C-alpha atoms as a PDB file:
ATOM      1  CA  MET A   1      -0.041   0.052  -0.133  1.00  0.00           C
ATOM      2  CA  GLN A   2       1.286   3.133  -0.791  1.00  0.00           C
ATOM      3  CA  ARG A   3       1.771   6.248   1.736  1.00  0.00           C
ATOM      4  CA  LEU A   4       0.758   9.394  -0.666  1.00  0.00           C
ATOM      5  CA  THR A   5       2.326  12.749   0.708  1.00  0.00           C
ATOM      6  CA  LEU A   6       1.457  16.266  -1.505  1.00  0.00           C
ATOM      7  CA  ARG A   7       3.526  18.940  -1.283  1.00  0.00           C
ATOM      8  CA  ILE A   8       1.619  22.404  -2.688  1.00  0.00           C
ATOM      9  CA  GLY A   9       4.070  25.096  -2.531  1.00  0.00           C
ATOM     10  CA  ARG A  10       3.371  28.697  -3.839  1.00  0.00           C
ATOM     11  CA  ASN A  11       4.789  28.381  -7.590  1.00  0.00           C
ATOM     12  CA  THR A  12       5.579  24.468  -7.113  1.00  0.00           C
ATOM     13  CA  LEU A  13       4.067  21.062  -7.044  1.00  0.00           C
ATOM     14  CA  ALA A  14       5.655  17.818  -6.215  1.00  0.00           C
ATOM     15  CA  ILE A  15       4.119  14.028  -4.923  1.00  0.00           C
ATOM     16  CA  LEU A  16       6.470  11.716  -2.640  1.00  0.00           C
ATOM     17  CA  ALA A  17       4.891   7.983  -2.456  1.00  0.00           C
ATOM     18  CA  GLN A  18       6.255   5.527   0.110  1.00  0.00           C
ATOM     19  CA  ASP A  19       5.043   1.768  -0.193  1.00  0.00           C
ATOM     20  CA  GLU A  20       4.423   0.829   3.468  1.00  0.00           C
ATOM     21  CA  GLU A  21       5.830  -2.992   2.854  1.00  0.00           C
ATOM     22  CA  SER A  22       9.210  -2.329   1.090  1.00  0.00           C
ATOM     23  CA  ASP A  23       9.702   1.680   2.594  1.00  0.00           C
ATOM     24  CA  THR A  24      10.507   2.397  -0.952  1.00  0.00           C
ATOM     25  CA  LEU A  25       9.794   6.219  -1.996  1.00  0.00           C
ATOM     26  CA  THR A  26       8.932   7.666  -5.252  1.00  0.00           C
ATOM     27  CA  TYR A  27       9.111  11.758  -5.305  1.00  0.00           C
ATOM     28  CA  GLU A  28       7.735  13.087  -8.147  1.00  0.00           C
ATOM     29  CA  PRO A  29       7.838  16.826  -8.827  1.00  0.00           C
ATOM     30  CA  VAL A  30       5.097  18.296 -10.814  1.00  0.00           C
ATOM     31  CA  VAL A  31       5.834  21.054 -14.135  1.00  0.00           C
ATOM     32  CA  VAL A  32       3.637  24.149 -13.224  1.00  0.00           C
ATOM     33  CA  LYS A  33       2.646  25.997 -15.670  1.00  0.00           C
ATOM     34  CA  SER A  34       2.637  29.354 -14.741  1.00  0.00           C
ATOM     35  CA  GLY A  35      -0.514  30.800 -17.160  1.00  0.00           C
ATOM     36  CA  ILE A  36      -3.234  28.703 -15.052  1.00  0.00           C
ATOM     37  CA  SER A  37      -4.186  28.295 -11.403  1.00  0.00           C
ATOM     38  CA  MET A  38      -1.923  25.555  -8.603  1.00  0.00           C
ATOM     39  CA  ALA A  39      -5.550  23.821  -8.575  1.00  0.00           C
ATOM     40  CA  ALA A  40      -5.804  23.812 -12.954  1.00  0.00           C
ATOM     41  CA  ASN A  41      -1.779  22.696 -12.323  1.00  0.00           C
ATOM     42  CA  LEU A  42      -2.974  19.814  -9.760  1.00  0.00           C
ATOM     43  CA  ARG A  43      -6.323  18.410 -11.307  1.00  0.00           C
ATOM     44  CA  GLU A  44      -3.586  17.964 -14.584  1.00  0.00           C
ATOM     45  CA  ALA A  45      -1.409  15.942 -12.358  1.00  0.00           C
ATOM     46  CA  PHE A  46      -4.173  13.879 -11.511  1.00  0.00           C
ATOM     47  CA  LYS A  47      -4.565  13.201 -14.828  1.00  0.00           C
ATOM     48  CA  SER A  48      -0.793  12.815 -16.034  1.00  0.00           C
ATOM     49  CA  SER A  49       1.032  11.444 -12.656  1.00  0.00           C
ATOM     50  CA  SER A  50       1.674   8.188 -12.523  1.00  0.00           C
ATOM     51  CA  LEU A  51       1.741   8.320  -8.790  1.00  0.00           C
ATOM     52  CA  LEU A  52      -1.409  10.344  -8.495  1.00  0.00           C
ATOM     53  CA  SER A  53      -3.235   7.491 -10.721  1.00  0.00           C
ATOM     54  CA  GLN A  54      -3.008   4.675  -8.084  1.00  0.00           C
ATOM     55  CA  ASN A  55      -5.435   3.991  -6.546  1.00  0.00           C
ATOM     56  CA  VAL A  56      -5.538   5.675  -3.005  1.00  0.00           C
ATOM     57  CA  SER A  57      -7.743   6.977  -0.966  1.00  0.00           C
ATOM     58  CA  ALA A  58      -5.487   9.421   2.275  1.00  0.00           C
ATOM     59  CA  ALA A  59      -2.908  11.427   1.644  1.00  0.00           C
ATOM     60  CA  ARG A  60      -0.858  14.081   3.744  1.00  0.00           C
ATOM     61  CA  VAL A  61      -0.514  17.755   1.604  1.00  0.00           C
ATOM     62  CA  LEU A  62       2.157  19.982   3.273  1.00  0.00           C
ATOM     63  CA  ILE A  63       0.944  23.709   2.271  1.00  0.00           C
ATOM     64  CA  ASP A  64       3.295  26.455   2.072  1.00  0.00           C
ATOM     65  CA  SER A  65       1.515  30.037   2.553  1.00  0.00           C
ATOM     66  CA  ASN A  66       1.359  32.984   4.815  1.00  0.00           C
ATOM     67  CA  THR A  67       1.263  31.010   8.088  1.00  0.00           C
ATOM     68  CA  LEU A  68       0.672  33.471  11.597  1.00  0.00           C
ATOM     69  CA  MET A  69       1.782  31.212  14.580  1.00  0.00           C
ATOM     70  CA  VAL A  70      -0.464  32.569  18.226  1.00  0.00           C
ATOM     71  CA  PRO A  71      -0.221  31.387  21.673  1.00  0.00           C
ATOM     72  CA  VAL A  72      -2.241  28.485  22.296  1.00  0.00           C
ATOM     73  CA  GLU A  73      -3.777  30.613  25.264  1.00  0.00           C
ATOM     74  CA  LEU A  74      -4.939  33.622  22.827  1.00  0.00           C
ATOM     75  CA  PHE A  75      -6.458  30.860  19.560  1.00  0.00           C
ATOM     76  CA  SER A  76      -9.800  30.870  18.926  1.00  0.00           C
ATOM     77  CA  GLU A  77     -11.813  29.313  16.575  1.00  0.00           C
ATOM     78  CA  GLN A  78     -14.161  31.956  15.440  1.00  0.00           C
ATOM     79  CA  THR A  79     -11.311  34.996  15.794  1.00  0.00           C
ATOM     80  CA  MET A  80      -8.709  33.485  13.424  1.00  0.00           C
ATOM     81  CA  GLU A  81      -9.938  34.150  10.573  1.00  0.00           C
ATOM     82  CA  GLU A  82      -9.696  37.961  11.467  1.00  0.00           C
ATOM     83  CA  MET A  83      -6.619  37.670  13.129  1.00  0.00           C
ATOM     84  CA  HIS A  84      -5.340  36.061   9.212  1.00  0.00           C
ATOM     85  CA  ASN A  85      -6.154  38.977   7.941  1.00  0.00           C
ATOM     86  CA  HIS A  86      -4.821  41.631  10.189  1.00  0.00           C
ATOM     87  CA  ALA A  87      -1.252  39.692   9.209  1.00  0.00           C
ATOM     88  CA  PHE A  88      -1.799  39.085   5.593  1.00  0.00           C
ATOM     89  CA  PRO A  89      -3.705  40.134   2.659  1.00  0.00           C
ATOM     90  CA  ARG A  90      -6.928  39.341   2.260  1.00  0.00           C
ATOM     91  CA  GLN A  91      -7.940  36.483  -0.256  1.00  0.00           C
ATOM     92  CA  GLU A  92     -11.662  36.381  -1.155  1.00  0.00           C
ATOM     93  CA  GLN A  93     -10.454  32.905  -2.900  1.00  0.00           C
ATOM     94  CA  ASP A  94      -8.929  31.433   0.593  1.00  0.00           C
ATOM     95  CA  THR A  95      -9.901  29.248   3.558  1.00  0.00           C
ATOM     96  CA  ILE A  96      -8.935  29.638   6.731  1.00  0.00           C
ATOM     97  CA  LEU A  97      -6.887  26.272   8.403  1.00  0.00           C
ATOM     98  CA  TYR A  98      -5.064  25.668  11.763  1.00  0.00           C
ATOM     99  CA  ASN A  99      -2.437  23.051  13.149  1.00  0.00           C
ATOM    100  CA  VAL A 100      -2.138  23.083  16.825  1.00  0.00           C
ATOM    101  CA  GLN A 101       1.757  22.681  17.964  1.00  0.00           C
ATOM    102  CA  PRO A 102       1.799  21.174  21.399  1.00  0.00           C
ATOM    103  CA  ASP A 103       4.988  21.113  22.206  1.00  0.00           C
ATOM    104  CA  LEU A 104       5.345  24.647  21.350  1.00  0.00           C
ATOM    105  CA  ASN A 105       1.922  25.928  22.964  1.00  0.00           C
ATOM    106  CA  ALA A 106       1.193  27.593  19.570  1.00  0.00           C
ATOM    107  CA  VAL A 107      -0.948  27.191  16.567  1.00  0.00           C
ATOM    108  CA  ALA A 108      -0.079  27.366  12.683  1.00  0.00           C
ATOM    109  CA  VAL A 109      -3.000  29.051  11.280  1.00  0.00           C
ATOM    110  CA  PHE A 110      -2.923  29.222   7.610  1.00  0.00           C
ATOM    111  CA  ALA A 111      -4.068  30.064   4.118  1.00  0.00           C
ATOM    112  CA  MET A 112      -5.155  27.519   1.387  1.00  0.00           C
ATOM    113  CA  ASN A 113      -6.815  28.324  -1.856  1.00  0.00           C
ATOM    114  CA  LYS A 114     -11.383  27.265  -1.829  1.00  0.00           C
ATOM    115  CA  ASP A 115     -10.693  25.662  -6.267  1.00  0.00           C
ATOM    116  CA  LEU A 116      -6.660  23.589  -4.907  1.00  0.00           C
ATOM    117  CA  LYS A 117      -9.264  22.295  -1.548  1.00  0.00           C
ATOM    118  CA  LEU A 118     -12.094  21.251  -3.637  1.00  0.00           C
ATOM    119  CA  VAL A 119      -9.537  19.388  -6.201  1.00  0.00           C
ATOM    120  CA  LEU A 120      -8.117  17.453  -3.204  1.00  0.00           C
ATOM    121  CA  ASP A 121     -11.412  16.829  -1.947  1.00  0.00           C
ATOM    122  CA  ASP A 122     -13.117  15.464  -5.374  1.00  0.00           C
ATOM    123  CA  HIS A 123     -10.173  12.971  -5.138  1.00  0.00           C
ATOM    124  CA  PHE A 124      -9.188  11.964  -1.284  1.00  0.00           C
ATOM    125  CA  GLN A 125     -11.975  10.498   0.880  1.00  0.00           C
ATOM    126  CA  SER A 126      -9.496  11.905   4.206  1.00  0.00           C
ATOM    127  CA  ILE A 127      -6.654  14.495   3.886  1.00  0.00           C
ATOM    128  CA  ARG A 128      -4.433  15.788   6.249  1.00  0.00           C
ATOM    129  CA  LEU A 129      -3.598  19.501   5.634  1.00  0.00           C
ATOM    130  CA  ILE A 130      -0.084  20.482   7.422  1.00  0.00           C
ATOM    131  CA  ALA A 131       1.096  23.863   7.156  1.00  0.00           C
ATOM    132  CA  ALA A 132       4.638  23.491   5.345  1.00  0.00           C
ATOM    133  CA  MET A 133       7.125  24.732   8.665  1.00  0.00           C
ATOM    134  CA  SER A 134       5.315  22.038  10.867  1.00  0.00           C
ATOM    135  CA  PRO A 135       7.428  19.576  10.851  1.00  0.00           C
ATOM    136  CA  VAL A 136      10.564  21.339  10.594  1.00  0.00           C
ATOM    137  CA  TRP A 137       9.715  24.019  13.633  1.00  0.00           C
ATOM    138  CA  ARG A 138       8.888  20.212  16.150  1.00  0.00           C
ATOM    139  CA  HIS A 139      12.267  18.675  15.007  1.00  0.00           C
ATOM    140  CA  MET A 140      14.117  22.558  15.223  1.00  0.00           C
ATOM    141  CA  HIS A 141      12.555  22.515  18.354  1.00  0.00           C
ATOM    142  CA  ARG A 142      14.017  19.696  20.219  1.00  0.00           C
ATOM    143  CA  ARG A 143      17.432  20.028  18.476  1.00  0.00           C
ATOM    144  CA  SER A 144      17.119  23.215  20.542  1.00  0.00           C
ATOM    145  CA  PHE A 145      18.315  20.752  23.600  1.00  0.00           C
ATOM    146  CA  THR A 146      21.203  19.327  22.658  1.00  0.00           C
ATOM    147  CA  GLY A 147      24.203  21.607  24.208  1.00  0.00           C
ATOM    148  CA  SER A 148      23.942  24.678  26.124  1.00  0.00           C
ATOM    149  CA  LYS A 149      23.778  26.975  22.837  1.00  0.00           C
ATOM    150  CA  GLN A 150      21.038  29.071  21.940  1.00  0.00           C
ATOM    151  CA  LYS A 151      19.947  28.981  18.518  1.00  0.00           C
ATOM    152  CA  LEU A 152      18.877  30.731  15.398  1.00  0.00           C
ATOM    153  CA  TYR A 153      17.492  28.312  12.101  1.00  0.00           C
ATOM    154  CA  ALA A 154      17.015  29.573   9.028  1.00  0.00           C
ATOM    155  CA  TYR A 155      15.693  27.936   6.251  1.00  0.00           C
ATOM    156  CA  PHE A 156      15.480  29.136   2.834  1.00  0.00           C
ATOM    157  CA  HIS A 157      12.895  28.156   0.174  1.00  0.00           C
ATOM    158  CA  GLU A 158      11.206  29.277  -3.062  1.00  0.00           C
ATOM    159  CA  LYS A 159      13.097  32.722  -2.626  1.00  0.00           C
ATOM    160  CA  ARG A 160      11.812  32.877   1.067  1.00  0.00           C
ATOM    161  CA  LEU A 161      13.994  33.196   4.230  1.00  0.00           C
ATOM    162  CA  GLU A 162      11.700  31.593   7.382  1.00  0.00           C
ATOM    163  CA  LEU A 163      13.837  32.322  11.330  1.00  0.00           C
ATOM    164  CA  CYS A 164      13.065  30.970  14.070  1.00  0.00           C
ATOM    165  CA  SER A 165      14.650  30.649  17.228  1.00  0.00           C
ATOM    166  CA  PHE A 166      13.256  28.436  20.577  1.00  0.00           C
ATOM    167  CA  GLN A 167      13.028  29.148  24.494  1.00  0.00           C
ATOM    168  CA  GLN A 168      11.961  25.592  25.735  1.00  0.00           C
ATOM    169  CA  ASN A 169       8.580  25.052  25.071  1.00  0.00           C
ATOM    170  CA  ARG A 170       7.891  28.414  23.225  1.00  0.00           C
ATOM    171  CA  PHE A 171       8.840  30.340  20.854  1.00  0.00           C
ATOM    172  CA  LYS A 172      11.436  32.971  21.172  1.00  0.00           C
ATOM    173  CA  PHE A 173      11.486  34.199  17.648  1.00  0.00           C
ATOM    174  CA  CYS A 174       9.270  32.828  14.098  1.00  0.00           C
ATOM    175  CA  ASN A 175       9.354  34.952  11.002  1.00  0.00           C
ATOM    176  CA  SER A 176       9.327  35.130   7.478  1.00  0.00           C
ATOM    177  CA  PHE A 177      10.970  37.319   4.736  1.00  0.00           C
ATOM    178  CA  GLU A 178      10.979  37.844   1.156  1.00  0.00           C
ATOM    179  CA  ALA A 179      14.274  36.321  -0.016  1.00  0.00           C
ATOM    180  CA  ASN A 180      15.257  37.099  -3.483  1.00  0.00           C
ATOM    181  CA  ARG A 181      18.638  38.347  -3.003  1.00  0.00           C
ATOM    182  CA  ALA A 182      21.949  36.848  -1.222  1.00  0.00           C
ATOM    183  CA  PRO A 183      22.230  39.935   0.608  1.00  0.00           C
ATOM    184  CA  ASP A 184      19.285  41.295   2.046  1.00  0.00           C
ATOM    185  CA  ALA A 185      18.625  37.793   3.384  1.00  0.00           C
ATOM    186  CA  LEU A 186      22.139  38.603   5.575  1.00  0.00           C
ATOM    187  CA  TYR A 187      20.826  41.319   6.184  1.00  0.00           C
ATOM    188  CA  PHE A 188      17.778  39.697   8.100  1.00  0.00           C
ATOM    189  CA  MET A 189      19.395  36.886   9.285  1.00  0.00           C
ATOM    190  CA  LEU A 190      22.218  39.332  11.103  1.00  0.00           C
ATOM    191  CA  TYR A 191      19.102  42.196  12.270  1.00  0.00           C
ATOM    192  CA  VAL A 192      17.119  38.790  14.190  1.00  0.00           C
ATOM    193  CA  TRP A 193      20.802  37.474  15.909  1.00  0.00           C
ATOM    194  CA  GLN A 194      21.249  40.912  17.409  1.00  0.00           C
ATOM    195  CA  GLN A 195      17.419  41.537  17.849  1.00  0.00           C
ATOM    196  CA  LEU A 196      17.790  38.214  20.031  1.00  0.00           C
ATOM    197  CA  GLN A 197      20.774  39.187  21.742  1.00  0.00           C
ATOM    198  CA  LEU A 198      22.693  36.311  20.769  1.00  0.00           C
ATOM    199  CA  ARG A 199      26.278  36.172  21.262  1.00  0.00           C
ATOM    200  CA  SER A 200      28.291  36.238  17.923  1.00  0.00           C
ATOM    201  CA  LYS A 201      31.576  33.980  19.374  1.00  0.00           C
ATOM    202  CA  TYR A 202      29.058  31.066  21.124  1.00  0.00           C
ATOM    203  CA  ASP A 203      25.589  30.600  19.881  1.00  0.00           C
ATOM    204  CA  GLU A 204      25.096  29.205  16.822  1.00  0.00           C
ATOM    205  CA  LEU A 205      23.125  30.187  13.284  1.00  0.00           C
ATOM    206  CA  CYS A 206      21.530  26.936  11.437  1.00  0.00           C
ATOM    207  CA  LEU A 207      20.694  27.610   8.049  1.00  0.00           C
ATOM    208  CA  MET A 208      19.649  24.952   5.567  1.00  0.00           C
ATOM    209  CA  GLY A 209      17.447  24.397   2.846  1.00  0.00           C
ATOM    210  CA  ASP A 210      17.865  25.825  -0.891  1.00  0.00           C
ATOM    211  CA  VAL A 211      20.416  28.723   0.855  1.00  0.00           C
ATOM    212  CA  PRO A 212      21.144  31.589  -2.012  1.00  0.00           C
ATOM    213  CA  GLU A 213      24.959  32.061  -2.911  1.00  0.00           C
ATOM    214  CA  LYS A 214      26.031  29.290  -0.380  1.00  0.00           C
ATOM    215  CA  ASP A 215      29.722  30.180   0.061  1.00  0.00           C
ATOM    216  CA  TRP A 216      29.661  34.036  -0.327  1.00  0.00           C
ATOM    217  CA  MET A 217      26.634  33.729   2.561  1.00  0.00           C
ATOM    218  CA  MET A 218      28.820  31.722   4.833  1.00  0.00           C
ATOM    219  CA  GLN A 219      31.835  33.660   4.257  1.00  0.00           C
ATOM    220  CA  GLN A 220      30.024  36.910   5.160  1.00  0.00           C
ATOM    221  CA  LEU A 221      27.984  35.367   7.893  1.00  0.00           C
ATOM    222  CA  LYS A 222      31.443  34.146   9.907  1.00  0.00           C
ATOM    223  CA  LYS A 223      32.186  37.415  10.504  1.00  0.00           C
ATOM    224  CA  TYR A 224      29.988  38.267  12.732  1.00  0.00           C
ATOM    225  CA  VAL A 225      28.832  34.612  13.631  1.00  0.00           C
ATOM    226  CA  LEU A 226      31.830  32.579  14.365  1.00  0.00           C
ATOM    227  CA  ASN A 227      29.487  29.238  14.857  1.00  0.00           C
ATOM    228  CA  THR A 228      27.480  29.259  11.671  1.00  0.00           C
ATOM    229  CA  ILE A 229      26.365  26.011   9.906  1.00  0.00           C
ATOM    230  CA  MET A 230      25.146  24.839   7.233  1.00  0.00           C
ATOM    231  CA  LEU A 231      22.964  21.420   8.113  1.00  0.00           C
ATOM    232  CA  ASN A 232      22.753  19.014   5.564  1.00  0.00           C
ATOM    233  CA  PRO A 233      20.351  16.552   5.484  1.00  0.00           C
ATOM    234  CA  GLN A 234      22.367  13.583   5.194  1.00  0.00           C
ATOM    235  CA  THR A 235      24.381  13.959   8.625  1.00  0.00           C
ATOM    236  CA  GLU A 236      21.030  15.244  10.487  1.00  0.00           C
ATOM    237  CA  TYR A 237      19.157  12.313   9.426  1.00  0.00           C
ATOM    238  CA  ASN A 238      21.394   9.789   9.285  1.00  0.00           C
ATOM    239  CA  MET A 239      21.692   8.817   5.696  1.00  0.00           C
ATOM    240  CA  HIS A 240      17.841   7.933   5.410  1.00  0.00           C
ATOM    241  CA  PRO A 241      16.983   7.320   1.557  1.00  0.00           C
ATOM    242  CA  VAL A 242      15.030  10.324   0.952  1.00  0.00           C
ATOM    243  CA  THR A 243      17.845  12.330   1.581  1.00  0.00           C
ATOM    244  CA  GLU A 244      19.677  10.667  -1.311  1.00  0.00           C
ATOM    245  CA  ILE A 245      16.527  12.246  -3.576  1.00  0.00           C
ATOM    246  CA  LYS A 246      17.372  15.154  -5.834  1.00  0.00           C
ATOM    247  CA  GLY A 247      15.292  18.366  -5.295  1.00  0.00           C
ATOM    248  CA  VAL A 248      13.071  17.069  -1.866  1.00  0.00           C
ATOM    249  CA  PRO A 249      12.735  19.799  -0.043  1.00  0.00           C
ATOM    250  CA  PHE A 250      13.883  20.238   3.718  1.00  0.00           C
ATOM    251  CA  ASP A 251      10.118  20.100   5.518  1.00  0.00           C
ATOM    252  CA  LEU A 252       9.084  16.993   3.044  1.00  0.00           C
ATOM    253  CA  GLN A 253      12.631  15.307   3.967  1.00  0.00           C
ATOM    254  CA  THR A 254      11.931  16.013   7.808  1.00  0.00           C
ATOM    255  CA  LEU A 255       7.758  15.188   7.778  1.00  0.00           C
ATOM    256  CA  VAL A 256       8.510  11.778   5.780  1.00  0.00           C
ATOM    257  CA  VAL A 257      11.542  11.222   8.397  1.00  0.00           C
ATOM    258  CA  LYS A 258      10.284  12.929  12.002  1.00  0.00           C
ATOM    259  CA  GLY A 259       6.641  12.448  10.971  1.00  0.00           C
ATOM    260  CA  ARG A 260       4.387  15.637  12.369  1.00  0.00           C
END
C-alpha cells in the first residue's frame, strides 16, 4: 500500500509516495504552468501523474502559504480568520485552516485556496492538511535542546527565508521574509541575531534548504557569527533514503523522517 504526500508551494507542486511494505520512496516533481492556477495544475497532475493515478484514498498535504503563529492561550476558531486577515492581505478565494503545535504551545494559522482544497476533496476520502513549516519547527525545537548554546534557525525555500528560535517550550522568534537576493537575506539574519541578543562567538546560526549564493553567504556570516553551520540533511537524518533523492525540499524530508 502506498502512503502519499503532496507538497503544494506558492509556485511548485511535488508528490512523494512511500510503499509501506518495502519502504521504497518515489518522488515526482510536477511542472507547474504559470498561466493557470495551482488548482488547475493539480487537476492536470491527477490526469498525468503515475503516482496520483493509483487507487489511494488518503493523503498528507504540505501547504506552503502565509502562516500566522498564535499562542495557544489566545487562539480561537471563531477569531482565527480575522487574526490571519490582520496579518496578511485578505484573499477572498482562500479558506483559513490551523494546526496545533502542542510542543510549542502555539497554533499555526494558514491560508489555502478554496479551489485547490476542492480538487483534493474530490480525489481523496481523507486529507491531512499541514502547514509546510510544522515538521521543521518541531524538529528544530527538539534540536534546540542539544548543548547549551542558543540557536537561530534559517530555512530557505522558494525565495523565502524562515527564521525561528526557541526558548524552552515556546517560540522566542518566528517570522518569514522575502529573500530574492542573498544580501537581503544576510541583513535579515544578522538583524534578528542582534535583536535576540545572541552571542557572536558562542551561539549558533543554523542554515538549511536552498541557500542563495551559499559560499558567499557562509563567508559573510562567519565574519559576525563564529558558529555558522550548514545543516546537511543526510547527516541530520542519519542517511535516511529520502535525503538521497535529489530535489526533495527540507520540510518534506523532515515530515517523512520525523513525522508530525
